[in-house]
């Protein structure tokens, strides 16, 4: 039997896009012949993943899971919303969340972690081939507190723990679950609706703040014309400070009443519970956020496939 080298497996993997274990098995079946191994992978439908990998995956599912005082959220993408209803895909997303919960949120570590006989990455490649769409583990985040609770929330849930928007809220406190769970759920629902940019104003990207300052300067050009620099700065600073208040979670108006800052809601809950409550961190993953989706002309695609010109 021909020796199957790591270099041969790597070469076949790069050519086929199939998983490492599948490539090793293909080379074994083909007695080390790369071309025959490629044919074996194609026959099994495993080499198809390479062609699909260039297609935009902006649909899929966000998954969340909590265990004890830690929680994890992940986003796994697919090309179409139909795949989100696929049990195989949903199971994979849940498995990836469980891995993130245990291993942390580094994507390379997650992809290299074993799921039975295959790693997460190898399982993903197999899923691409069998389901027939490009898929990707896009991002993950784990939160943990030393004491308190990490509270999950899924908006528009498609299955338990899976949906279009996933939120985790990390509350550090000695207060009981009877206080932290409902408080965390309300804050998570607020986060899903209000889309804060950061926990506090200090955490908002400086580039975003600079852009808002430039917009305020342009909008108030008439007001600051001829004014001393310190006066002009105050005029510009007003809209920027308003932007920061409205986009930092702790200072946003709570969606439940439309006026109370979130930090005051937490303070009131802490006072009632007789224990300090600190909103340590949060995660908000919205499916496809930031992905540039391809816009296609379905009629033109059908016409091209059939050879019949589309009507104009």
C-alpha atoms as a PDB file:
ATOM      1  CA  UNK A   1       0.000   0.000   0.000  1.00  0.00           C
ATOM      2  CA  UNK A   2       1.352   3.421  -0.972  1.00  0.00           C
ATOM      3  CA  UNK A   3       2.308   5.720   1.881  1.00  0.00           C
ATOM      4  CA  UNK A   4      -0.100   8.644   2.228  1.00  0.00           C
ATOM      5  CA  UNK A   5       1.980  11.702   3.105  1.00  0.00           C
ATOM      6  CA  UNK A   6       0.758  14.851   4.815  1.00  0.00           C
ATOM      7  CA  UNK A   7       1.900  16.841   1.771  1.00  0.00           C
ATOM      8  CA  UNK A   8      -0.285  14.719  -0.529  1.00  0.00           C
ATOM      9  CA  UNK A   9      -3.299  15.204   1.747  1.00  0.00           C
ATOM     10  CA  UNK A  10      -2.672  18.960   1.864  1.00  0.00           C
ATOM     11  CA  UNK A  11      -2.342  19.157  -1.921  1.00  0.00           C
ATOM     12  CA  UNK A  12      -5.585  17.244  -2.502  1.00  0.00           C
ATOM     13  CA  UNK A  13      -7.374  19.317   0.099  1.00  0.00           C
ATOM     14  CA  UNK A  14      -6.354  22.554  -1.638  1.00  0.00           C
ATOM     15  CA  UNK A  15      -7.437  21.217  -5.037  1.00  0.00           C
ATOM     16  CA  UNK A  16     -10.745  19.771  -3.912  1.00  0.00           C
ATOM     17  CA  UNK A  17     -11.849  21.899  -0.979  1.00  0.00           C
ATOM     18  CA  UNK A  18     -12.798  18.681   0.812  1.00  0.00           C
ATOM     19  CA  UNK A  19     -11.992  17.953   4.453  1.00  0.00           C
ATOM     20  CA  UNK A  20      -8.636  16.558   5.565  1.00  0.00           C
ATOM     21  CA  UNK A  21     -10.006  13.175   6.647  1.00  0.00           C
ATOM     22  CA  UNK A  22     -11.976  12.826   3.410  1.00  0.00           C
ATOM     23  CA  UNK A  23      -8.833  13.610   1.397  1.00  0.00           C
ATOM     24  CA  UNK A  24      -6.810  11.058   3.344  1.00  0.00           C
ATOM     25  CA  UNK A  25      -9.478   8.425   2.796  1.00  0.00           C
ATOM     26  CA  UNK A  26      -9.686   9.262  -0.914  1.00  0.00           C
ATOM     27  CA  UNK A  27      -5.913   8.890  -1.322  1.00  0.00           C
ATOM     28  CA  UNK A  28      -6.003   5.598   0.555  1.00  0.00           C
ATOM     29  CA  UNK A  29      -8.787   4.307  -1.702  1.00  0.00           C
ATOM     30  CA  UNK A  30      -6.840   5.488  -4.768  1.00  0.00           C
ATOM     31  CA  UNK A  31      -3.498   4.041  -3.592  1.00  0.00           C
ATOM     32  CA  UNK A  32      -1.960   7.513  -3.478  1.00  0.00           C
ATOM     33  CA  UNK A  33      -3.010   8.578  -6.988  1.00  0.00           C
ATOM     34  CA  UNK A  34      -4.119  12.229  -6.669  1.00  0.00           C
ATOM     35  CA  UNK A  35      -6.198  12.254  -9.873  1.00  0.00           C
ATOM     36  CA  UNK A  36      -8.001   9.065  -8.899  1.00  0.00           C
ATOM     37  CA  UNK A  37      -8.518  10.446  -5.409  1.00  0.00           C
ATOM     38  CA  UNK A  38     -10.075  13.581  -6.900  1.00  0.00           C
ATOM     39  CA  UNK A  39     -12.432  11.383  -8.939  1.00  0.00           C
ATOM     40  CA  UNK A  40     -13.319   9.492  -5.755  1.00  0.00           C
ATOM     41  CA  UNK A  41     -14.155  12.758  -3.977  1.00  0.00           C
ATOM     42  CA  UNK A  42     -16.222  13.970  -6.916  1.00  0.00           C
ATOM     43  CA  UNK A  43     -18.126  10.687  -6.976  1.00  0.00           C
ATOM     44  CA  UNK A  44     -18.902  11.128  -3.289  1.00  0.00           C
ATOM     45  CA  UNK A  45     -19.950  14.745  -3.880  1.00  0.00           C
ATOM     46  CA  UNK A  46     -17.222  16.038  -1.573  1.00  0.00           C
ATOM     47  CA  UNK A  47     -15.169  18.000  -4.112  1.00  0.00           C
ATOM     48  CA  UNK A  48     -18.151  20.175  -5.000  1.00  0.00           C
ATOM     49  CA  UNK A  49     -17.548  22.302  -1.920  1.00  0.00           C
ATOM     50  CA  UNK A  50     -14.587  24.014  -3.560  1.00  0.00           C
ATOM     51  CA  UNK A  51     -16.732  25.485  -6.343  1.00  0.00           C
ATOM     52  CA  UNK A  52     -19.355  26.673  -3.884  1.00  0.00           C
ATOM     53  CA  UNK A  53     -16.876  28.442  -1.613  1.00  0.00           C
ATOM     54  CA  UNK A  54     -16.825  31.603  -3.746  1.00  0.00           C
ATOM     55  CA  UNK A  55     -20.573  32.192  -3.484  1.00  0.00           C
ATOM     56  CA  UNK A  56     -21.885  34.775  -1.044  1.00  0.00           C
ATOM     57  CA  UNK A  57     -23.279  33.332   2.192  1.00  0.00           C
ATOM     58  CA  UNK A  58     -25.342  35.999   3.949  1.00  0.00           C
ATOM     59  CA  UNK A  59     -28.251  33.934   5.264  1.00  0.00           C
ATOM     60  CA  UNK A  60     -28.142  31.178   7.875  1.00  0.00           C
ATOM     61  CA  UNK A  61     -28.592  31.299  11.642  1.00  0.00           C
ATOM     62  CA  UNK A  62     -27.349  32.917  14.821  1.00  0.00           C
ATOM     63  CA  UNK A  63     -27.145  30.517  17.742  1.00  0.00           C
ATOM     64  CA  UNK A  64     -26.820  31.153  21.490  1.00  0.00           C
ATOM     65  CA  UNK A  65     -26.249  28.852  24.442  1.00  0.00           C
ATOM     66  CA  UNK A  66     -25.697  29.393  28.160  1.00  0.00           C
ATOM     67  CA  UNK A  67     -24.214  27.071  30.761  1.00  0.00           C
ATOM     68  CA  UNK A  68     -23.794  28.239  34.339  1.00  0.00           C
ATOM     69  CA  UNK A  69     -22.158  31.667  34.367  1.00  0.00           C
ATOM     70  CA  UNK A  70     -20.945  31.646  30.776  1.00  0.00           C
ATOM     71  CA  UNK A  71     -22.614  31.886  27.398  1.00  0.00           C
ATOM     72  CA  UNK A  72     -21.667  31.835  23.730  1.00  0.00           C
ATOM     73  CA  UNK A  73     -23.106  33.219  20.506  1.00  0.00           C
ATOM     74  CA  UNK A  74     -22.144  32.257  16.964  1.00  0.00           C
ATOM     75  CA  UNK A  75     -23.167  33.161  13.432  1.00  0.00           C
ATOM     76  CA  UNK A  76     -23.070  30.477  10.752  1.00  0.00           C
ATOM     77  CA  UNK A  77     -23.952  31.618   7.251  1.00  0.00           C
ATOM     78  CA  UNK A  78     -25.492  29.957   4.219  1.00  0.00           C
ATOM     79  CA  UNK A  79     -26.516  31.221   0.792  1.00  0.00           C
ATOM     80  CA  UNK A  80     -30.286  30.997   1.231  1.00  0.00           C
ATOM     81  CA  UNK A  81     -32.832  31.140   4.022  1.00  0.00           C
ATOM     82  CA  UNK A  82     -34.028  27.634   3.095  1.00  0.00           C
ATOM     83  CA  UNK A  83     -30.892  26.122   4.604  1.00  0.00           C
ATOM     84  CA  UNK A  84     -31.721  27.706   7.978  1.00  0.00           C
ATOM     85  CA  UNK A  85     -34.676  25.303   8.130  1.00  0.00           C
ATOM     86  CA  UNK A  86     -32.468  22.285   7.380  1.00  0.00           C
ATOM     87  CA  UNK A  87     -32.096  20.024  10.442  1.00  0.00           C
ATOM     88  CA  UNK A  88     -28.518  19.102   9.476  1.00  0.00           C
ATOM     89  CA  UNK A  89     -27.574  22.786   9.331  1.00  0.00           C
ATOM     90  CA  UNK A  90     -29.358  23.598  12.601  1.00  0.00           C
ATOM     91  CA  UNK A  91     -27.584  20.726  14.346  1.00  0.00           C
ATOM     92  CA  UNK A  92     -24.249  21.994  13.062  1.00  0.00           C
ATOM     93  CA  UNK A  93     -24.935  25.518  14.364  1.00  0.00           C
ATOM     94  CA  UNK A  94     -25.822  24.130  17.799  1.00  0.00           C
ATOM     95  CA  UNK A  95     -22.638  22.051  17.781  1.00  0.00           C
ATOM     96  CA  UNK A  96     -20.546  25.117  16.934  1.00  0.00           C
ATOM     97  CA  UNK A  97     -22.160  27.096  19.773  1.00  0.00           C
ATOM     98  CA  UNK A  98     -21.348  24.286  22.193  1.00  0.00           C
ATOM     99  CA  UNK A  99     -17.734  24.278  20.991  1.00  0.00           C
ATOM    100  CA  UNK A 100     -17.484  28.070  21.464  1.00  0.00           C
ATOM    101  CA  UNK A 101     -18.972  27.732  24.931  1.00  0.00           C
ATOM    102  CA  UNK A 102     -16.267  25.247  25.872  1.00  0.00           C
ATOM    103  CA  UNK A 103     -13.253  26.407  23.826  1.00  0.00           C
ATOM    104  CA  UNK A 104     -13.746  30.172  23.566  1.00  0.00           C
ATOM    105  CA  UNK A 105     -14.413  32.420  20.591  1.00  0.00           C
ATOM    106  CA  UNK A 106     -11.207  32.125  18.537  1.00  0.00           C
ATOM    107  CA  UNK A 107     -12.414  30.918  15.126  1.00  0.00           C
ATOM    108  CA  UNK A 108      -9.249  28.951  14.306  1.00  0.00           C
ATOM    109  CA  UNK A 109      -9.577  27.042  17.577  1.00  0.00           C
ATOM    110  CA  UNK A 110     -13.271  26.414  16.966  1.00  0.00           C
ATOM    111  CA  UNK A 111     -12.677  25.124  13.427  1.00  0.00           C
ATOM    112  CA  UNK A 112      -9.921  22.788  14.605  1.00  0.00           C
ATOM    113  CA  UNK A 113     -12.014  21.309  17.429  1.00  0.00           C
ATOM    114  CA  UNK A 114     -13.296  17.776  16.978  1.00  0.00           C
ATOM    115  CA  UNK A 115     -16.947  16.984  16.356  1.00  0.00           C
ATOM    116  CA  UNK A 116     -16.874  13.219  16.562  1.00  0.00           C
ATOM    117  CA  UNK A 117     -14.673  11.824  13.772  1.00  0.00           C
ATOM    118  CA  UNK A 118     -14.197  15.189  12.027  1.00  0.00           C
ATOM    119  CA  UNK A 119     -13.240  18.683  13.059  1.00  0.00           C
ATOM    120  CA  UNK A 120     -15.711  21.568  12.856  1.00  0.00           C
ATOM    121  CA  UNK A 121     -14.071  22.723   9.622  1.00  0.00           C
ATOM    122  CA  UNK A 122     -14.183  19.270   8.045  1.00  0.00           C
ATOM    123  CA  UNK A 123     -17.824  18.871   9.071  1.00  0.00           C
ATOM    124  CA  UNK A 124     -18.556  22.239   7.479  1.00  0.00           C
ATOM    125  CA  UNK A 125     -16.983  21.157   4.178  1.00  0.00           C
ATOM    126  CA  UNK A 126     -19.023  17.956   4.228  1.00  0.00           C
ATOM    127  CA  UNK A 127     -22.194  19.961   4.908  1.00  0.00           C
ATOM    128  CA  UNK A 128     -21.436  22.257   1.968  1.00  0.00           C
ATOM    129  CA  UNK A 129     -21.196  19.232  -0.288  1.00  0.00           C
ATOM    130  CA  UNK A 130     -24.262  17.410   1.005  1.00  0.00           C
ATOM    131  CA  UNK A 131     -26.563  20.421   1.465  1.00  0.00           C
ATOM    132  CA  UNK A 132     -25.379  22.030  -1.770  1.00  0.00           C
ATOM    133  CA  UNK A 133     -24.698  25.597  -0.621  1.00  0.00           C
ATOM    134  CA  UNK A 134     -21.700  27.558   0.530  1.00  0.00           C
ATOM    135  CA  UNK A 135     -21.613  27.949   4.310  1.00  0.00           C
ATOM    136  CA  UNK A 136     -19.258  29.652   6.742  1.00  0.00           C
ATOM    137  CA  UNK A 137     -18.660  29.937  10.470  1.00  0.00           C
ATOM    138  CA  UNK A 138     -18.415  33.721  10.475  1.00  0.00           C
ATOM    139  CA  UNK A 139     -17.979  34.839  14.089  1.00  0.00           C
ATOM    140  CA  UNK A 140     -18.278  33.770  17.712  1.00  0.00           C
ATOM    141  CA  UNK A 141     -18.221  35.423  21.115  1.00  0.00           C
ATOM    142  CA  UNK A 142     -18.143  33.982  24.614  1.00  0.00           C
ATOM    143  CA  UNK A 143     -19.072  35.889  27.776  1.00  0.00           C
ATOM    144  CA  UNK A 144     -18.416  34.821  31.340  1.00  0.00           C
ATOM    145  CA  UNK A 145     -18.936  36.287  34.807  1.00  0.00           C
ATOM    146  CA  UNK A 146     -17.424  35.173  38.101  1.00  0.00           C
ATOM    147  CA  UNK A 147     -20.820  35.481  39.810  1.00  0.00           C
ATOM    148  CA  UNK A 148     -24.214  36.387  38.419  1.00  0.00           C
ATOM    149  CA  UNK A 149     -25.769  35.357  35.131  1.00  0.00           C
ATOM    150  CA  UNK A 150     -25.333  35.384  31.364  1.00  0.00           C
ATOM    151  CA  UNK A 151     -28.819  35.745  29.911  1.00  0.00           C
ATOM    152  CA  UNK A 152     -29.620  34.726  26.303  1.00  0.00           C
ATOM    153  CA  UNK A 153     -32.279  36.038  23.947  1.00  0.00           C
ATOM    154  CA  UNK A 154     -33.180  35.061  20.394  1.00  0.00           C
ATOM    155  CA  UNK A 155     -35.333  37.370  18.282  1.00  0.00           C
ATOM    156  CA  UNK A 156     -37.474  35.735  15.580  1.00  0.00           C
ATOM    157  CA  UNK A 157     -36.470  32.265  16.737  1.00  0.00           C
ATOM    158  CA  UNK A 158     -36.557  29.599  14.025  1.00  0.00           C
ATOM    159  CA  UNK A 159     -35.793  26.820  16.513  1.00  0.00           C
ATOM    160  CA  UNK A 160     -34.770  26.733  20.197  1.00  0.00           C
ATOM    161  CA  UNK A 161     -31.614  28.845  20.573  1.00  0.00           C
ATOM    162  CA  UNK A 162     -31.499  29.688  16.859  1.00  0.00           C
ATOM    163  CA  UNK A 163     -32.727  32.742  14.961  1.00  0.00           C
ATOM    164  CA  UNK A 164     -31.927  35.928  13.062  1.00  0.00           C
ATOM    165  CA  UNK A 165     -30.738  38.042  16.016  1.00  0.00           C
ATOM    166  CA  UNK A 166     -28.972  36.574  19.041  1.00  0.00           C
ATOM    167  CA  UNK A 167     -28.157  38.496  22.217  1.00  0.00           C
ATOM    168  CA  UNK A 168     -26.220  37.667  25.372  1.00  0.00           C
ATOM    169  CA  UNK A 169     -26.178  39.890  28.479  1.00  0.00           C
ATOM    170  CA  UNK A 170     -23.543  39.355  31.169  1.00  0.00           C
ATOM    171  CA  UNK A 171     -24.636  40.595  34.600  1.00  0.00           C
ATOM    172  CA  UNK A 172     -22.114  40.363  37.434  1.00  0.00           C
ATOM    173  CA  UNK A 173     -23.853  40.277  40.798  1.00  0.00           C
ATOM    174  CA  UNK A 174     -24.566  38.361  43.983  1.00  0.00           C
ATOM    175  CA  UNK A 175     -28.294  38.848  43.381  1.00  0.00           C
ATOM    176  CA  UNK A 176     -30.368  35.738  42.701  1.00  0.00           C
ATOM    177  CA  UNK A 177     -31.593  34.374  39.396  1.00  0.00           C
ATOM    178  CA  UNK A 178     -35.097  35.626  40.211  1.00  0.00           C
ATOM    179  CA  UNK A 179     -33.702  39.165  39.823  1.00  0.00           C
ATOM    180  CA  UNK A 180     -31.019  38.701  37.164  1.00  0.00           C
ATOM    181  CA  UNK A 181     -32.928  36.525  34.696  1.00  0.00           C
ATOM    182  CA  UNK A 182     -35.887  38.882  34.105  1.00  0.00           C
ATOM    183  CA  UNK A 183     -33.627  41.950  34.172  1.00  0.00           C
ATOM    184  CA  UNK A 184     -31.229  40.340  31.719  1.00  0.00           C
ATOM    185  CA  UNK A 185     -34.083  39.307  29.440  1.00  0.00           C
ATOM    186  CA  UNK A 186     -35.449  42.873  29.303  1.00  0.00           C
ATOM    187  CA  UNK A 187     -32.013  44.339  28.623  1.00  0.00           C
ATOM    188  CA  UNK A 188     -31.403  41.716  25.929  1.00  0.00           C
ATOM    189  CA  UNK A 189     -34.684  42.608  24.243  1.00  0.00           C
ATOM    190  CA  UNK A 190     -33.672  46.268  24.430  1.00  0.00           C
ATOM    191  CA  UNK A 191     -30.321  45.451  22.797  1.00  0.00           C
ATOM    192  CA  UNK A 192     -32.021  43.512  20.012  1.00  0.00           C
ATOM    193  CA  UNK A 193     -34.276  46.485  19.260  1.00  0.00           C
ATOM    194  CA  UNK A 194     -31.981  49.460  19.954  1.00  0.00           C
ATOM    195  CA  UNK A 195     -28.743  48.158  18.395  1.00  0.00           C
ATOM    196  CA  UNK A 196     -26.207  49.898  20.690  1.00  0.00           C
ATOM    197  CA  UNK A 197     -22.742  50.431  19.216  1.00  0.00           C
ATOM    198  CA  UNK A 198     -20.917  49.780  22.509  1.00  0.00           C
ATOM    199  CA  UNK A 199     -21.473  49.307  26.217  1.00  0.00           C
ATOM    200  CA  UNK A 200     -20.432  52.898  26.995  1.00  0.00           C
ATOM    201  CA  UNK A 201     -19.469  56.007  25.017  1.00  0.00           C
ATOM    202  CA  UNK A 202     -15.774  55.239  25.541  1.00  0.00           C
ATOM    203  CA  UNK A 203     -16.194  51.995  23.630  1.00  0.00           C
ATOM    204  CA  UNK A 204     -17.608  53.510  20.443  1.00  0.00           C
ATOM    205  CA  UNK A 205     -15.184  53.387  17.519  1.00  0.00           C
ATOM    206  CA  UNK A 206     -13.267  56.719  17.365  1.00  0.00           C
ATOM    207  CA  UNK A 207     -13.652  56.716  13.571  1.00  0.00           C
ATOM    208  CA  UNK A 208     -17.435  56.767  14.003  1.00  0.00           C
ATOM    209  CA  UNK A 209     -17.176  59.645  16.505  1.00  0.00           C
ATOM    210  CA  UNK A 210     -14.961  61.598  14.092  1.00  0.00           C
ATOM    211  CA  UNK A 211     -17.479  61.085  11.315  1.00  0.00           C
ATOM    212  CA  UNK A 212     -20.300  62.366  13.514  1.00  0.00           C
ATOM    213  CA  UNK A 213     -18.202  65.421  14.411  1.00  0.00           C
ATOM    214  CA  UNK A 214     -17.603  66.122  10.705  1.00  0.00           C
ATOM    215  CA  UNK A 215     -21.337  65.832  10.010  1.00  0.00           C
ATOM    216  CA  UNK A 216     -22.146  68.177  12.921  1.00  0.00           C
ATOM    217  CA  UNK A 217     -19.575  70.673  11.649  1.00  0.00           C
ATOM    218  CA  UNK A 218     -21.087  70.645   8.174  1.00  0.00           C
ATOM    219  CA  UNK A 219     -24.654  70.924   9.473  1.00  0.00           C
ATOM    220  CA  UNK A 220     -23.767  73.849  11.721  1.00  0.00           C
ATOM    221  CA  UNK A 221     -21.443  75.650   9.315  1.00  0.00           C
ATOM    222  CA  UNK A 222     -23.551  78.842   9.481  1.00  0.00           C
ATOM    223  CA  UNK A 223     -23.629  78.819  13.290  1.00  0.00           C
ATOM    224  CA  UNK A 224     -19.885  78.374  13.749  1.00  0.00           C
ATOM    225  CA  UNK A 225     -18.817  80.793  10.999  1.00  0.00           C
ATOM    226  CA  UNK A 226     -16.728  83.546  12.555  1.00  0.00           C
ATOM    227  CA  UNK A 227     -17.021  82.107  16.067  1.00  0.00           C
ATOM    228  CA  UNK A 228     -13.983  81.608  18.330  1.00  0.00           C
ATOM    229  CA  UNK A 229     -12.642  78.005  18.185  1.00  0.00           C
ATOM    230  CA  UNK A 230     -13.818  77.178  21.727  1.00  0.00           C
ATOM    231  CA  UNK A 231     -17.365  78.344  20.925  1.00  0.00           C
ATOM    232  CA  UNK A 232     -17.420  76.453  17.641  1.00  0.00           C
ATOM    233  CA  UNK A 233     -16.240  73.338  19.482  1.00  0.00           C
ATOM    234  CA  UNK A 234     -19.133  73.581  21.948  1.00  0.00           C
ATOM    235  CA  UNK A 235     -21.634  73.923  19.106  1.00  0.00           C
ATOM    236  CA  UNK A 236     -20.246  70.830  17.375  1.00  0.00           C
ATOM    237  CA  UNK A 237     -19.901  68.891  20.614  1.00  0.00           C
ATOM    238  CA  UNK A 238     -23.631  69.095  21.375  1.00  0.00           C
ATOM    239  CA  UNK A 239     -24.807  66.813  18.517  1.00  0.00           C
ATOM    240  CA  UNK A 240     -21.834  64.482  19.044  1.00  0.00           C
ATOM    241  CA  UNK A 241     -22.648  64.040  22.743  1.00  0.00           C
ATOM    242  CA  UNK A 242     -26.276  63.357  21.828  1.00  0.00           C
ATOM    243  CA  UNK A 243     -25.127  60.702  19.337  1.00  0.00           C
ATOM    244  CA  UNK A 244     -22.968  59.041  21.998  1.00  0.00           C
ATOM    245  CA  UNK A 245     -25.810  58.988  24.542  1.00  0.00           C
ATOM    246  CA  UNK A 246     -28.188  57.456  22.019  1.00  0.00           C
ATOM    247  CA  UNK A 247     -25.769  54.758  20.851  1.00  0.00           C
ATOM    248  CA  UNK A 248     -24.022  53.654  24.069  1.00  0.00           C
ATOM    249  CA  UNK A 249     -26.035  50.926  25.772  1.00  0.00           C
ATOM    250  CA  UNK A 250     -25.812  52.257  29.324  1.00  0.00           C
ATOM    251  CA  UNK A 251     -27.117  55.714  28.368  1.00  0.00           C
ATOM    252  CA  UNK A 252     -29.735  54.667  25.808  1.00  0.00           C
ATOM    253  CA  UNK A 253     -33.379  55.274  26.721  1.00  0.00           C
ATOM    254  CA  UNK A 254     -34.814  51.926  27.811  1.00  0.00           C
ATOM    255  CA  UNK A 255     -37.193  50.686  25.119  1.00  0.00           C
ATOM    256  CA  UNK A 256     -39.696  49.518  27.740  1.00  0.00           C
ATOM    257  CA  UNK A 257     -40.558  53.091  28.746  1.00  0.00           C
ATOM    258  CA  UNK A 258     -38.715  55.202  26.178  1.00  0.00           C
ATOM    259  CA  UNK A 259     -37.076  57.529  28.708  1.00  0.00           C
ATOM    260  CA  UNK A 260     -35.135  55.881  31.542  1.00  0.00           C
ATOM    261  CA  UNK A 261     -31.419  55.312  30.782  1.00  0.00           C
ATOM    262  CA  UNK A 262     -30.501  51.623  30.876  1.00  0.00           C
ATOM    263  CA  UNK A 263     -27.936  52.296  33.612  1.00  0.00           C
ATOM    264  CA  UNK A 264     -30.707  53.719  35.797  1.00  0.00           C
ATOM    265  CA  UNK A 265     -32.874  50.658  35.186  1.00  0.00           C
ATOM    266  CA  UNK A 266     -29.991  48.485  36.401  1.00  0.00           C
ATOM    267  CA  UNK A 267     -29.411  50.756  39.427  1.00  0.00           C
ATOM    268  CA  UNK A 268     -33.097  50.523  40.402  1.00  0.00           C
ATOM    269  CA  UNK A 269     -33.015  46.714  40.133  1.00  0.00           C
ATOM    270  CA  UNK A 270     -29.857  46.599  42.259  1.00  0.00           C
ATOM    271  CA  UNK A 271     -31.424  48.802  44.930  1.00  0.00           C
ATOM    272  CA  UNK A 272     -34.543  46.636  45.069  1.00  0.00           C
ATOM    273  CA  UNK A 273     -32.444  43.460  45.293  1.00  0.00           C
ATOM    274  CA  UNK A 274     -30.064  44.880  47.889  1.00  0.00           C
ATOM    275  CA  UNK A 275     -27.053  43.794  45.832  1.00  0.00           C
ATOM    276  CA  UNK A 276     -24.793  45.505  43.309  1.00  0.00           C
ATOM    277  CA  UNK A 277     -25.476  44.611  39.661  1.00  0.00           C
ATOM    278  CA  UNK A 278     -22.914  45.382  36.953  1.00  0.00           C
ATOM    279  CA  UNK A 279     -23.652  45.031  33.255  1.00  0.00           C
ATOM    280  CA  UNK A 280     -20.226  43.628  32.413  1.00  0.00           C
ATOM    281  CA  UNK A 281     -20.649  43.008  28.671  1.00  0.00           C
ATOM    282  CA  UNK A 282     -23.073  42.042  25.936  1.00  0.00           C
ATOM    283  CA  UNK A 283     -23.178  40.462  22.497  1.00  0.00           C
ATOM    284  CA  UNK A 284     -25.558  41.266  19.674  1.00  0.00           C
ATOM    285  CA  UNK A 285     -25.221  39.206  16.496  1.00  0.00           C
ATOM    286  CA  UNK A 286     -27.581  40.023  13.652  1.00  0.00           C
ATOM    287  CA  UNK A 287     -27.565  37.607  10.741  1.00  0.00           C
ATOM    288  CA  UNK A 288     -25.698  38.870   7.687  1.00  0.00           C
ATOM    289  CA  UNK A 289     -24.778  42.166   9.326  1.00  0.00           C
ATOM    290  CA  UNK A 290     -22.084  43.868   7.257  1.00  0.00           C
ATOM    291  CA  UNK A 291     -22.086  41.273   4.483  1.00  0.00           C
ATOM    292  CA  UNK A 292     -22.535  42.721   1.017  1.00  0.00           C
ATOM    293  CA  UNK A 293     -25.209  40.576  -0.584  1.00  0.00           C
ATOM    294  CA  UNK A 294     -25.180  39.786  -4.264  1.00  0.00           C
ATOM    295  CA  UNK A 295     -28.165  41.138  -6.192  1.00  0.00           C
ATOM    296  CA  UNK A 296     -29.159  38.845  -9.016  1.00  0.00           C
ATOM    297  CA  UNK A 297     -31.710  38.977 -11.793  1.00  0.00           C
ATOM    298  CA  UNK A 298     -33.549  35.685 -11.383  1.00  0.00           C
ATOM    299  CA  UNK A 299     -35.274  35.929 -14.789  1.00  0.00           C
ATOM    300  CA  UNK A 300     -31.929  36.546 -16.476  1.00  0.00           C
ATOM    301  CA  UNK A 301     -30.387  33.564 -14.677  1.00  0.00           C
ATOM    302  CA  UNK A 302     -33.185  31.270 -15.832  1.00  0.00           C
ATOM    303  CA  UNK A 303     -32.935  32.626 -19.373  1.00  0.00           C
ATOM    304  CA  UNK A 304     -29.186  32.106 -19.418  1.00  0.00           C
ATOM    305  CA  UNK A 305     -29.554  28.554 -18.198  1.00  0.00           C
ATOM    306  CA  UNK A 306     -32.243  27.743 -20.764  1.00  0.00           C
ATOM    307  CA  UNK A 307     -30.662  29.580 -23.665  1.00  0.00           C
ATOM    308  CA  UNK A 308     -33.825  31.670 -24.179  1.00  0.00           C
ATOM    309  CA  UNK A 309     -33.337  35.480 -24.071  1.00  0.00           C
ATOM    310  CA  UNK A 310     -35.090  37.205 -21.175  1.00  0.00           C
ATOM    311  CA  UNK A 311     -37.872  39.654 -21.990  1.00  0.00           C
ATOM    312  CA  UNK A 312     -36.971  43.323 -21.566  1.00  0.00           C
END
